[in-house]
Amino acid sequence: MKKLATLLPLAALLLGPVPAISHAETSTVKHPAWTRSANIYQVNLRQFSKEGTLNAFASNLPRLKAMGVDVIWLMPIHPIGERNRKGTLGSYYAVKDYMAVSPDYGTTEDLRRLVKQAHAMGMKVILDWVGNHTSWDNKWATEHPDWFKKNDKGEIYSVTFKNEAGEMEEWTDVIGLDFTNKALWKGMTDAMAYWVRTADIDGFRCDAAGLIPTPFWNQARTELNKIKPVFMLAEWNEPDLHEHAFDASYDWPLSTLMIKIGKGEANASDLRNFLAKPPKAYPRDAYRLEFTSNHDVNSWQGTDKELYGPAYGAMAVLSYTLPGIPMIYNGQESRLEKRLEFFEKDPIDWKTYELEGFYTGLNQLKKANPALWNGAAGGALQMLDVGNEQLFAFKREQGKNSVRVIVNLSNTVQKYKLAGDEGPAQLKPWRWRILVSE
């Protein structure tokens, strides 16, 4: 794969702009200034290295800085519950103690040192926060049983809920917290604030954020911002989370569509229709997390090769150039081709960092072009007609900066015509063309 396909000077306007997409009311969230052109890099500490420690990961910070990474997202660092544990090592998301670092990963001092090192390089660090549930043996279950949900018999029970797809799920290794108890709100907010104060972390990725009342997140954001401006990412897909609490939320619907395109189950027309009439309206300044993989996708749905095949590069380009904040899952820069075990030790095979240059180029492209920045700082999406339905084309503009992107979302060579070109141009299967002008 080439480092970034083709970056060309703009010869002329593309044909037929579609009106910009409308948005919901403006969010009141004040994004930290450093988030405006930022990307995110997700770190699965257990699988990142053979050691699986904070210190082993910290040795990679210079490489990630050179790749243009801005925000390091550490998956949960806390001790993992032993009661009803899944597999040998258990789920990262079965937290036994919110106020501690798992000895498998290191110490609180190791975390402080990592964050300080990242800050010195101009990078930020956010922690994965599991607010909806704890492990069965979390000390809160003994000290504050009234903070947990109970069944009809008055017993604490495993988490059971209806997911966004309307399907019932049960997580047998964790128990649900009861946010109707306002004492829990203070306990949880204090635990989050502890890490901002103690380790100087820069925010949180909040697991299953929509299963917790939005007013809790609103007040938590207010309290955390009193310590320092934080960045908040919701693992959920609801616009109201952006009103006061969250900077960013997961764009699961677009992720699902890109997988369908990669598998040949959808095409450029489906993407145009989706973006022209999105299922939900978000504030113009809301950040939507765009990704081709993460820990859930990789472990439970498949690798990039399985999900996208030769379409992978095209999907990565879209995740960086469509409106949203882009994310890389650790290992993707080395073409991660295995599903990492979720409950066992299964380190990444780093091989030759084959795609590191590709991602470096995408990070540079985003930073250098305000049209591609996040939220209202970037340009609104305007879809374009290039005379071929198999191609997906759009432009984004901010001030004098303009970025136009044409992607072949098919497995055959496609021709297209730009105004000002001497004749029709063509794109090979799953390739793209990016044109920048000032």
Protein backbone atom coordinates (compact mmCIF):
# COMPACT_ATOMS: atom_id res chain seq x y z
CA MET A 1 0.00 0.00 0.00
CA LYS A 2 1.27 3.47 -0.85
CA LYS A 3 1.83 5.89 1.97
CA LEU A 4 -1.16 8.11 1.19
CA ALA A 5 -2.24 7.41 -2.36
CA THR A 6 -2.22 10.70 -4.29
CA LEU A 7 -2.09 14.27 -3.00
CA LEU A 8 -2.50 16.64 -5.95
CA PRO A 9 -2.87 20.41 -6.44
CA LEU A 10 -6.41 21.48 -7.18
CA ALA A 11 -6.96 21.96 -10.90
CA ALA A 12 -10.61 22.97 -10.83
CA LEU A 13 -13.88 22.72 -8.95
CA LEU A 14 -15.57 19.33 -8.91
CA LEU A 15 -19.03 19.03 -10.34
CA GLY A 16 -22.42 19.56 -8.75
CA PRO A 17 -22.10 20.16 -4.99
CA VAL A 18 -24.88 18.75 -2.83
CA PRO A 19 -26.08 21.17 -0.12
CA ALA A 20 -24.31 20.86 3.22
CA ILE A 21 -25.94 18.51 5.70
CA SER A 22 -28.08 20.06 8.42
CA HIS A 23 -27.31 19.58 12.10
CA ALA A 24 -29.05 19.73 15.46
CA GLU A 25 -28.70 22.62 17.85
CA THR A 26 -25.22 23.68 18.91
CA SER A 27 -23.65 21.88 21.86
CA THR A 28 -22.65 23.82 24.98
CA VAL A 29 -19.57 21.63 25.48
CA LYS A 30 -16.39 23.69 25.30
CA HIS A 31 -13.81 21.48 23.61
CA PRO A 32 -10.21 21.77 24.84
CA ALA A 33 -8.29 23.68 22.18
CA TRP A 34 -5.86 20.79 21.64
CA THR A 35 -8.66 18.53 20.41
CA ARG A 36 -9.46 20.52 17.28
CA SER A 37 -7.08 18.72 14.91
CA ALA A 38 -6.54 15.67 17.10
CA ASN A 39 -6.53 11.95 16.39
CA ILE A 40 -6.75 9.10 18.92
CA TYR A 41 -4.64 5.96 19.33
CA GLN A 42 -6.19 3.15 21.39
CA VAL A 43 -3.85 1.07 23.56
CA ASN A 44 -4.72 -2.45 24.73
CA LEU A 45 -2.04 -2.70 27.43
CA ARG A 46 -2.43 -6.44 27.98
CA GLN A 47 -1.77 -7.25 24.34
CA PHE A 48 0.44 -4.32 23.32
CA SER A 49 3.64 -6.10 24.32
CA LYS A 50 4.84 -9.38 25.78
CA GLU A 51 5.34 -7.56 29.09
CA GLY A 52 1.91 -5.94 28.94
CA THR A 53 2.96 -3.10 31.24
CA LEU A 54 2.74 0.68 31.31
CA ASN A 55 6.53 0.92 31.21
CA ALA A 56 6.81 -1.37 28.19
CA PHE A 57 4.24 0.75 26.38
CA ALA A 58 5.94 4.01 27.36
CA SER A 59 9.02 3.02 25.36
CA ASN A 60 6.84 3.35 22.23
CA LEU A 61 5.86 6.97 22.81
CA PRO A 62 8.63 8.40 20.60
CA ARG A 63 7.51 6.17 17.71
CA LEU A 64 3.87 7.20 18.16
CA LYS A 65 4.83 10.87 18.36
CA ALA A 66 6.74 10.50 15.08
CA MET A 67 3.61 8.90 13.59
CA GLY A 68 1.65 12.04 14.52
CA VAL A 69 -0.47 10.56 17.31
CA ASP A 70 -2.15 13.18 19.52
CA VAL A 71 -4.24 11.34 22.12
CA ILE A 72 -3.34 8.06 23.81
CA TRP A 73 -6.40 6.12 25.01
CA LEU A 74 -5.43 3.53 27.61
CA MET A 75 -7.92 0.70 28.02
CA PRO A 76 -8.88 0.11 31.69
CA ILE A 77 -5.81 0.06 33.91
CA HIS A 78 -7.57 -1.09 37.09
CA PRO A 79 -7.34 -4.44 38.90
CA ILE A 80 -9.72 -7.00 37.37
CA GLY A 81 -12.26 -8.91 39.43
CA GLU A 82 -11.69 -12.58 40.25
CA ARG A 83 -15.22 -13.68 41.16
CA ASN A 84 -17.09 -14.98 38.07
CA ARG A 85 -14.08 -13.99 35.97
CA LYS A 86 -14.24 -14.83 32.28
CA GLY A 87 -11.29 -16.79 30.95
CA THR A 88 -7.90 -16.84 32.65
CA LEU A 89 -7.31 -13.10 32.95
CA GLY A 90 -10.84 -11.70 32.90
CA SER A 91 -12.33 -8.68 31.16
CA TYR A 92 -10.59 -5.34 31.33
CA TYR A 93 -14.08 -3.94 32.00
CA ALA A 94 -14.70 -5.89 35.24
CA VAL A 95 -13.17 -3.29 37.57
CA LYS A 96 -12.28 -4.42 41.09
CA ASP A 97 -10.88 -1.13 42.39
CA TYR A 98 -11.40 2.26 40.74
CA MET A 99 -8.61 3.84 42.77
CA ALA A 100 -5.78 1.47 41.86
CA VAL A 101 -3.61 0.33 38.97
CA SER A 102 -3.54 -3.39 38.25
CA PRO A 103 -0.20 -4.86 39.32
CA ASP A 104 -0.21 -6.68 35.98
CA TYR A 105 0.29 -3.28 34.34
CA GLY A 106 2.49 -1.54 36.92
CA THR A 107 1.96 1.13 39.55
CA THR A 108 0.34 4.51 39.92
CA GLU A 109 3.81 6.01 39.73
CA ASP A 110 4.35 4.24 36.38
CA LEU A 111 1.16 5.87 35.10
CA ARG A 112 2.24 9.30 36.35
CA ARG A 113 5.58 8.89 34.61
CA LEU A 114 3.95 7.79 31.33
CA VAL A 115 1.57 10.75 31.33
CA LYS A 116 4.39 13.16 32.12
CA GLN A 117 6.47 11.72 29.27
CA ALA A 118 3.54 11.96 26.84
CA HIS A 119 2.87 15.56 27.89
CA ALA A 120 6.51 16.48 27.33
CA MET A 121 6.13 15.23 23.75
CA GLY A 122 2.93 17.20 23.19
CA MET A 123 0.57 14.22 23.47
CA LYS A 124 -2.41 13.71 25.78
CA VAL A 125 -3.56 10.63 27.69
CA ILE A 126 -7.13 9.55 28.46
CA LEU A 127 -8.27 6.61 30.59
CA ASP A 128 -11.00 4.11 29.81
CA TRP A 129 -13.67 4.51 32.50
CA VAL A 130 -16.22 1.82 33.35
CA GLY A 131 -18.99 3.68 35.16
CA ASN A 132 -21.96 1.41 34.50
CA HIS A 133 -20.81 -1.68 36.40
CA THR A 134 -18.10 -3.24 38.54
CA SER A 135 -16.75 -6.71 39.17
CA TRP A 136 -18.64 -8.83 41.69
CA ASP A 137 -15.80 -8.42 44.18
CA ASN A 138 -15.38 -4.66 43.89
CA LYS A 139 -15.14 -3.29 47.43
CA TRP A 140 -18.10 -1.02 46.77
CA ALA A 141 -20.34 -4.11 46.68
CA THR A 142 -19.49 -4.67 50.36
CA GLU A 143 -19.07 -1.10 51.54
CA HIS A 144 -21.98 0.42 49.55
CA PRO A 145 -24.43 -2.34 48.52
CA ASP A 146 -27.09 0.36 48.13
CA TRP A 147 -25.11 1.68 45.13
CA PHE A 148 -25.99 -1.46 43.11
CA LYS A 149 -29.06 -2.59 41.22
CA LYS A 150 -31.12 -5.35 42.87
CA ASN A 151 -33.51 -7.97 41.50
CA ASP A 152 -37.01 -8.66 42.87
CA LYS A 153 -35.46 -10.64 45.72
CA GLY A 154 -33.28 -7.71 46.73
CA GLU A 155 -30.14 -9.39 45.44
CA ILE A 156 -27.34 -7.83 43.43
CA TYR A 157 -27.35 -9.48 40.00
CA SER A 158 -25.31 -9.59 36.81
CA VAL A 159 -25.71 -6.79 34.29
CA THR A 160 -28.66 -7.36 31.95
CA PHE A 161 -29.79 -4.76 29.45
CA LYS A 162 -31.19 -4.09 26.01
CA ASN A 163 -28.48 -2.90 23.64
CA GLU A 164 -28.79 -0.26 20.91
CA ALA A 165 -29.86 -2.98 18.45
CA GLY A 166 -32.77 -3.88 20.76
CA GLU A 167 -31.23 -7.20 21.77
CA MET A 168 -31.00 -8.39 25.39
CA GLU A 169 -27.48 -8.89 26.71
CA GLU A 170 -26.19 -10.34 29.99
CA TRP A 171 -22.66 -9.78 31.27
CA THR A 172 -22.19 -12.47 33.91
CA ASP A 173 -18.87 -11.19 35.25
CA VAL A 174 -20.12 -7.74 36.31
CA ILE A 175 -22.86 -6.17 38.43
CA GLY A 176 -24.74 -2.98 37.65
CA LEU A 177 -24.52 0.30 39.52
CA ASP A 178 -27.73 2.10 40.49
CA PHE A 179 -27.53 5.76 39.53
CA THR A 180 -30.84 6.57 41.17
CA ASN A 181 -28.72 6.78 44.32
CA LYS A 182 -27.13 10.23 44.31
CA ALA A 183 -24.46 9.11 46.79
CA LEU A 184 -23.07 6.97 43.97
CA TRP A 185 -22.78 10.09 41.80
CA LYS A 186 -20.33 11.64 44.26
CA GLY A 187 -18.39 8.40 44.73
CA MET A 188 -17.98 7.88 41.01
CA THR A 189 -17.13 11.50 40.24
CA ASP A 190 -14.58 11.58 43.06
CA ALA A 191 -12.95 8.42 41.65
CA MET A 192 -12.65 10.01 38.21
CA ALA A 193 -11.31 13.24 39.68
CA TYR A 194 -8.69 11.26 41.60
CA TRP A 195 -6.93 10.27 38.37
CA VAL A 196 -7.03 13.78 36.94
CA ARG A 197 -5.42 15.09 40.11
CA THR A 198 -3.08 12.18 40.81
CA ALA A 199 -1.82 11.32 37.34
CA ASP A 200 -2.73 14.52 35.41
CA ILE A 201 -4.68 12.52 32.82
CA ASP A 202 -6.51 14.54 30.18
CA GLY A 203 -9.93 12.93 30.08
CA PHE A 204 -11.88 9.71 29.75
CA ARG A 205 -13.32 7.28 27.25
CA CYS A 206 -16.54 6.27 29.00
CA ASP A 207 -17.67 2.70 28.50
CA ALA A 208 -21.37 2.03 27.80
CA ALA A 209 -22.03 5.71 28.47
CA GLY A 210 -25.66 5.55 27.39
CA LEU A 211 -26.55 3.08 30.13
CA ILE A 212 -25.84 5.79 32.71
CA PRO A 213 -28.17 8.80 33.13
CA THR A 214 -26.93 11.73 31.09
CA PRO A 215 -27.37 14.15 34.04
CA PHE A 216 -24.67 12.21 35.88
CA TRP A 217 -22.22 12.78 33.04
CA ASN A 218 -23.21 16.45 32.85
CA GLN A 219 -22.29 17.08 36.48
CA ALA A 220 -19.17 14.91 36.24
CA ARG A 221 -17.88 16.97 33.31
CA THR A 222 -18.50 20.17 35.27
CA GLU A 223 -16.58 18.87 38.29
CA LEU A 224 -13.67 17.53 36.24
CA ASN A 225 -13.33 20.78 34.32
CA LYS A 226 -12.80 22.56 37.64
CA ILE A 227 -9.51 20.65 37.88
CA LYS A 228 -8.45 21.07 34.23
CA PRO A 229 -10.17 21.12 30.83
CA VAL A 230 -10.82 17.47 29.98
CA PHE A 231 -11.75 15.56 26.83
CA MET A 232 -14.70 13.16 27.12
CA LEU A 233 -15.46 10.35 24.66
CA ALA A 234 -18.73 8.40 24.96
CA GLU A 235 -19.02 4.82 23.84
CA TRP A 236 -22.57 5.42 22.67
CA ASN A 237 -24.50 6.96 19.83
CA GLU A 238 -26.95 9.51 21.28
CA PRO A 239 -26.93 13.24 20.45
CA ASP A 240 -28.00 14.37 23.92
CA LEU A 241 -24.70 13.17 25.35
CA HIS A 242 -23.09 16.07 23.48
CA GLU A 243 -25.24 18.79 25.02
CA HIS A 244 -23.17 19.28 28.17
CA ALA A 245 -21.00 16.22 28.87
CA PHE A 246 -19.16 14.74 25.91
CA ASP A 247 -16.88 16.07 23.22
CA ALA A 248 -17.11 12.90 21.12
CA SER A 249 -19.26 9.81 20.65
CA TYR A 250 -18.94 6.56 18.71
CA ASP A 251 -20.14 6.60 15.11
CA TRP A 252 -21.21 2.95 15.19
CA PRO A 253 -23.66 3.35 12.28
CA LEU A 254 -20.94 4.55 9.89
CA SER A 255 -18.59 1.83 11.12
CA THR A 256 -21.24 -0.79 10.36
CA LEU A 257 -21.79 0.65 6.88
CA MET A 258 -18.07 0.69 6.06
CA ILE A 259 -17.83 -2.98 7.02
CA LYS A 260 -20.75 -3.73 4.71
CA ILE A 261 -19.01 -1.87 1.89
CA GLY A 262 -15.83 -3.85 2.53
CA LYS A 263 -17.79 -7.09 2.31
CA GLY A 264 -19.55 -6.05 -0.89
CA GLU A 265 -22.92 -5.71 0.86
CA ALA A 266 -23.18 -1.92 0.31
CA ASN A 267 -21.74 0.64 -2.11
CA ALA A 268 -21.07 4.32 -2.74
CA SER A 269 -24.76 5.06 -3.19
CA ASP A 270 -25.51 3.64 0.25
CA LEU A 271 -22.83 5.85 1.77
CA ARG A 272 -24.20 8.93 0.00
CA ASN A 273 -27.71 8.17 1.22
CA PHE A 274 -26.50 7.57 4.77
CA LEU A 275 -24.62 10.86 4.93
CA ALA A 276 -27.37 12.85 3.21
CA LYS A 277 -29.99 11.57 5.67
CA PRO A 278 -28.16 10.43 8.81
CA PRO A 279 -30.24 8.40 11.27
CA LYS A 280 -29.70 11.01 13.99
CA ALA A 281 -28.90 14.72 13.98
CA TYR A 282 -25.89 15.85 15.99
CA PRO A 283 -24.74 19.34 16.95
CA ARG A 284 -22.46 20.87 14.33
CA ASP A 285 -19.66 21.02 16.88
CA ALA A 286 -20.04 17.42 18.08
CA TYR A 287 -17.11 15.12 17.37
CA ARG A 288 -18.03 11.68 16.02
CA LEU A 289 -15.40 8.98 16.58
CA GLU A 290 -14.51 7.40 13.24
CA PHE A 291 -12.65 4.10 13.15
CA THR A 292 -12.05 0.96 11.14
CA SER A 293 -11.28 -1.12 14.24
CA ASN A 294 -11.19 -1.07 18.03
CA HIS A 295 -10.92 -3.70 20.75
CA ASP A 296 -14.53 -4.84 20.29
CA VAL A 297 -14.45 -4.87 16.49
CA ASN A 298 -11.13 -6.71 16.34
CA SER A 299 -11.89 -9.35 18.97
CA TRP A 300 -15.55 -10.04 18.19
CA GLN A 301 -16.17 -9.06 14.56
CA GLY A 302 -12.89 -9.62 12.75
CA THR A 303 -9.57 -8.26 11.59
CA ASP A 304 -9.17 -5.53 9.00
CA LYS A 305 -8.39 -8.24 6.44
CA GLU A 306 -11.54 -10.15 7.32
CA LEU A 307 -13.83 -7.14 7.39
CA TYR A 308 -12.51 -5.03 4.53
CA GLY A 309 -10.08 -7.05 2.45
CA PRO A 310 -8.60 -4.82 -0.28
CA ALA A 311 -11.02 -2.02 0.71
CA TYR A 312 -9.20 -1.40 3.99
CA GLY A 313 -7.10 1.58 2.86
CA ALA A 314 -10.13 3.31 1.36
CA MET A 315 -12.07 2.92 4.61
CA ALA A 316 -9.16 4.30 6.62
CA VAL A 317 -8.98 7.34 4.31
CA LEU A 318 -12.70 7.96 4.81
CA SER A 319 -12.33 7.69 8.58
CA TYR A 320 -9.75 10.49 8.43
CA THR A 321 -11.35 12.80 5.88
CA LEU A 322 -15.08 12.62 6.64
CA PRO A 323 -16.22 14.84 9.54
CA GLY A 324 -15.19 13.27 12.84
CA ILE A 325 -12.24 12.52 15.08
CA PRO A 326 -10.27 9.56 13.70
CA MET A 327 -8.89 6.66 15.70
CA ILE A 328 -6.24 3.96 15.20
CA TYR A 329 -6.34 0.69 17.14
CA ASN A 330 -2.90 -0.47 18.27
CA GLY A 331 -1.36 -2.85 15.76
CA GLN A 332 -3.15 -1.48 12.72
CA GLU A 333 0.07 0.27 11.70
CA SER A 334 1.60 -3.22 11.46
CA ARG A 335 -1.37 -4.63 9.55
CA LEU A 336 -2.80 -6.53 12.53
CA GLU A 337 -4.15 -9.75 11.05
CA LYS A 338 -5.36 -11.66 14.09
CA ARG A 339 -8.28 -11.29 16.44
CA LEU A 340 -6.72 -10.50 19.80
CA GLU A 341 -8.03 -12.72 22.60
CA PHE A 342 -10.18 -10.78 25.03
CA PHE A 343 -9.74 -12.78 28.24
CA GLU A 344 -6.28 -14.29 27.67
CA LYS A 345 -2.75 -13.08 26.99
CA ASP A 346 -2.32 -12.67 23.23
CA PRO A 347 0.37 -10.10 22.35
CA ILE A 348 0.41 -8.20 19.08
CA ASP A 349 2.91 -9.37 16.47
CA TRP A 350 4.41 -6.05 15.45
CA LYS A 351 6.25 -7.38 12.38
CA THR A 352 7.53 -4.53 10.18
CA TYR A 353 5.18 -1.60 10.91
CA GLU A 354 4.10 -1.87 7.28
CA LEU A 355 1.38 0.80 7.45
CA GLU A 356 3.13 3.25 9.76
CA GLY A 357 3.94 5.57 6.87
CA PHE A 358 0.36 5.40 5.65
CA TYR A 359 -1.02 6.49 9.02
CA THR A 360 1.70 9.11 9.43
CA GLY A 361 0.54 10.61 6.14
CA LEU A 362 -3.10 10.61 7.22
CA ASN A 363 -2.22 12.30 10.51
CA GLN A 364 -0.18 14.93 8.66
CA LEU A 365 -2.99 15.49 6.16
CA LYS A 366 -5.50 16.15 8.94
CA LYS A 367 -3.26 18.47 10.93
CA ALA A 368 -2.18 20.52 7.90
CA ASN A 369 -5.71 21.16 6.63
CA PRO A 370 -8.21 23.05 8.81
CA ALA A 371 -10.96 21.84 6.48
CA LEU A 372 -10.46 18.38 8.03
CA TRP A 373 -10.41 19.52 11.65
CA ASN A 374 -12.91 18.31 14.22
CA GLY A 375 -16.38 19.68 14.82
CA ALA A 376 -17.16 23.25 13.78
CA ALA A 377 -13.43 23.97 13.45
CA GLY A 378 -13.50 21.85 10.28
CA GLY A 379 -15.45 22.20 7.09
CA ALA A 380 -18.97 20.85 6.67
CA LEU A 381 -19.41 17.88 4.35
CA GLN A 382 -20.49 18.66 0.78
CA MET A 383 -20.95 15.64 -1.45
CA LEU A 384 -19.91 15.99 -5.10
CA ASP A 385 -20.94 14.48 -8.41
CA VAL A 386 -18.02 13.25 -10.55
CA GLY A 387 -20.14 11.45 -13.12
CA ASN A 388 -19.78 7.93 -11.75
CA GLU A 389 -22.07 6.37 -9.15
CA GLN A 390 -19.39 3.86 -8.11
CA LEU A 391 -17.24 6.67 -6.75
CA PHE A 392 -17.83 8.55 -3.51
CA ALA A 393 -16.69 12.17 -3.74
CA PHE A 394 -16.95 15.11 -1.38
CA LYS A 395 -15.31 18.35 -0.36
CA ARG A 396 -14.74 20.15 2.92
CA GLU A 397 -13.72 23.80 3.14
CA GLN A 398 -12.59 26.04 5.97
CA GLY A 399 -11.53 29.55 5.06
CA LYS A 400 -9.22 29.34 2.05
CA ASN A 401 -8.38 25.70 2.75
CA SER A 402 -10.23 23.16 0.62
CA VAL A 403 -9.90 19.37 0.56
CA ARG A 404 -11.59 17.23 -2.05
CA VAL A 405 -11.66 13.46 -1.80
CA ILE A 406 -12.64 10.89 -4.44
CA VAL A 407 -12.74 7.23 -3.42
CA ASN A 408 -13.41 4.21 -5.62
CA LEU A 409 -15.74 2.03 -3.55
CA SER A 410 -15.71 -0.84 -6.03
CA ASN A 411 -13.45 -3.72 -7.02
CA THR A 412 -13.08 -2.54 -10.61
CA VAL A 413 -11.34 0.39 -12.33
CA GLN A 414 -13.63 3.43 -12.50
CA LYS A 415 -13.45 6.55 -14.67
CA TYR A 416 -14.51 10.04 -13.63
CA LYS A 417 -14.30 13.61 -14.88
CA LEU A 418 -13.18 16.73 -13.07
CA ALA A 419 -13.80 20.15 -14.55
CA GLY A 420 -10.53 21.43 -15.95
CA ASP A 421 -9.02 17.99 -16.59
CA GLU A 422 -7.96 17.32 -20.18
CA GLY A 423 -9.95 14.10 -20.21
CA PRO A 424 -11.46 11.44 -17.97
CA ALA A 425 -9.26 10.19 -15.16
CA GLN A 426 -9.47 6.78 -13.56
CA LEU A 427 -9.06 5.17 -10.17
CA LYS A 428 -7.99 1.61 -9.58
CA PRO A 429 -10.17 -0.61 -7.35
CA TRP A 430 -10.46 0.72 -3.80
CA ARG A 431 -8.08 3.63 -4.48
CA TRP A 432 -8.56 7.32 -3.79
CA ARG A 433 -7.50 10.78 -4.87
CA ILE A 434 -7.10 13.69 -2.46
CA LEU A 435 -6.84 17.27 -3.75
CA VAL A 436 -5.79 20.15 -1.50
CA SER A 437 -5.91 23.86 -2.25
CA GLU A 438 -5.30 27.02 -0.24
